[in-house]
Amino acid sequence: MKRLAARRDIAEPEIVQALLRAGFAVWRELPVDLLVWRPDKGFHLLEIKTPTKTGKRRKRKDQQAQDDFIALTSTSVVLTAEDALQALGAL
């Protein structure tokens, strides 16, 4: 599955830096935003979504294939660095 959007999420650099500081390896070219790995946690997929002004995830109709992949693989959808670290059990 080819990545649908070439544009990266605004929140991604901060999240990637937090994961790197926590000892995770991070890959970015997937149907979702990140593949991360750390020896004690294994591999995990993360999809980063920039939150709306109310702090919730914005749903886009043009991302149905990505949403199907997320559901199939139980990929965690994160909005903040804290969300990412919690999803990975690193907090």
Protein backbone atom coordinates (compact mmCIF):
# COMPACT_ATOMS: atom_id res chain seq x y z
CA MET A 1 0.00 0.00 0.00
CA LYS A 2 1.49 3.31 -1.04
CA ARG A 3 1.42 6.17 1.41
CA LEU A 4 -1.47 8.45 0.47
CA ALA A 5 -0.13 11.83 1.56
CA ALA A 6 3.40 13.12 1.13
CA ARG A 7 2.75 15.94 3.61
CA ARG A 8 3.85 15.14 7.16
CA ASP A 9 1.82 15.97 10.27
CA ILE A 10 2.78 19.07 12.24
CA ALA A 11 3.08 17.06 15.45
CA GLU A 12 5.42 14.45 13.93
CA PRO A 13 8.87 16.01 14.65
CA GLU A 14 8.14 16.40 18.37
CA ILE A 15 6.78 12.86 18.62
CA VAL A 16 9.73 11.37 16.71
CA GLN A 17 12.20 13.21 18.94
CA ALA A 18 10.45 11.96 22.10
CA LEU A 19 10.53 8.38 20.79
CA LEU A 20 14.21 8.64 19.86
CA ARG A 21 15.04 10.05 23.31
CA ALA A 22 13.14 7.10 24.83
CA GLY A 23 15.37 4.68 22.93
CA PHE A 24 13.05 3.69 20.07
CA ALA A 25 14.19 3.26 16.47
CA VAL A 26 11.78 4.99 14.06
CA TRP A 27 10.93 4.33 10.39
CA ARG A 28 8.68 6.72 8.44
CA GLU A 29 7.88 5.37 4.93
CA LEU A 30 4.83 3.14 5.51
CA PRO A 31 1.03 3.21 4.98
CA VAL A 32 1.02 4.81 8.43
CA ASP A 33 3.40 7.44 9.77
CA LEU A 34 5.83 5.44 11.91
CA LEU A 35 7.21 2.00 12.57
CA VAL A 36 9.05 2.10 15.90
CA TRP A 37 11.17 -0.48 17.69
CA ARG A 38 12.98 -0.87 20.96
CA PRO A 39 14.47 -4.16 22.19
CA ASP A 40 12.24 -4.39 25.26
CA LYS A 41 9.04 -3.27 23.45
CA GLY A 42 9.37 -4.84 19.99
CA PHE A 43 7.82 -3.34 16.84
CA HIS A 44 4.80 -1.03 16.84
CA LEU A 45 2.97 0.98 14.20
CA LEU A 46 1.88 4.53 14.96
CA GLU A 47 -0.31 6.90 12.98
CA ILE A 48 0.10 10.55 13.93
CA LYS A 49 -2.84 12.89 13.54
CA THR A 50 -2.67 16.61 14.18
CA PRO A 51 -5.39 17.42 16.72
CA THR A 52 -8.19 19.86 15.99
CA LYS A 53 -8.56 23.00 18.10
CA THR A 54 -10.73 20.96 20.48
CA GLY A 55 -7.94 18.39 20.86
CA LYS A 56 -9.71 15.59 18.98
CA ARG A 57 -8.73 13.62 15.89
CA ARG A 58 -9.92 14.99 12.57
CA LYS A 59 -11.43 12.32 10.31
CA ARG A 60 -10.84 12.68 6.57
CA LYS A 61 -12.99 10.89 4.01
CA ASP A 62 -10.07 10.56 1.58
CA GLN A 63 -8.14 8.32 4.00
CA GLN A 64 -10.45 5.28 4.06
CA ALA A 65 -7.71 2.88 2.87
CA GLN A 66 -5.45 4.11 5.66
CA ASP A 67 -8.28 3.79 8.21
CA ASP A 68 -8.87 0.20 7.03
CA PHE A 69 -5.13 -0.57 7.47
CA ILE A 70 -5.16 0.99 10.95
CA ALA A 71 -8.15 -1.15 11.96
CA LEU A 72 -6.67 -4.34 10.46
CA THR A 73 -3.30 -3.93 12.18
CA SER A 74 -4.51 -2.36 15.45
CA THR A 75 -2.25 0.61 14.78
CA SER A 76 -2.30 3.19 17.56
CA VAL A 77 -3.44 6.67 16.49
CA VAL A 78 -1.65 9.35 18.50
CA LEU A 79 -2.03 13.11 18.75
CA THR A 80 0.84 14.03 21.08
CA ALA A 81 4.25 12.77 22.21
CA GLU A 82 2.63 11.67 25.48
CA ASP A 83 -0.01 9.69 23.55
CA ALA A 84 2.77 7.95 21.60
CA LEU A 85 4.79 7.03 24.66
CA GLN A 86 1.66 5.76 26.44
CA ALA A 87 0.64 3.66 23.42
CA LEU A 88 4.07 2.04 23.51
CA GLY A 89 4.00 1.42 27.25
CA ALA A 90 6.97 3.74 27.76
CA LEU A 91 5.27 5.98 30.35
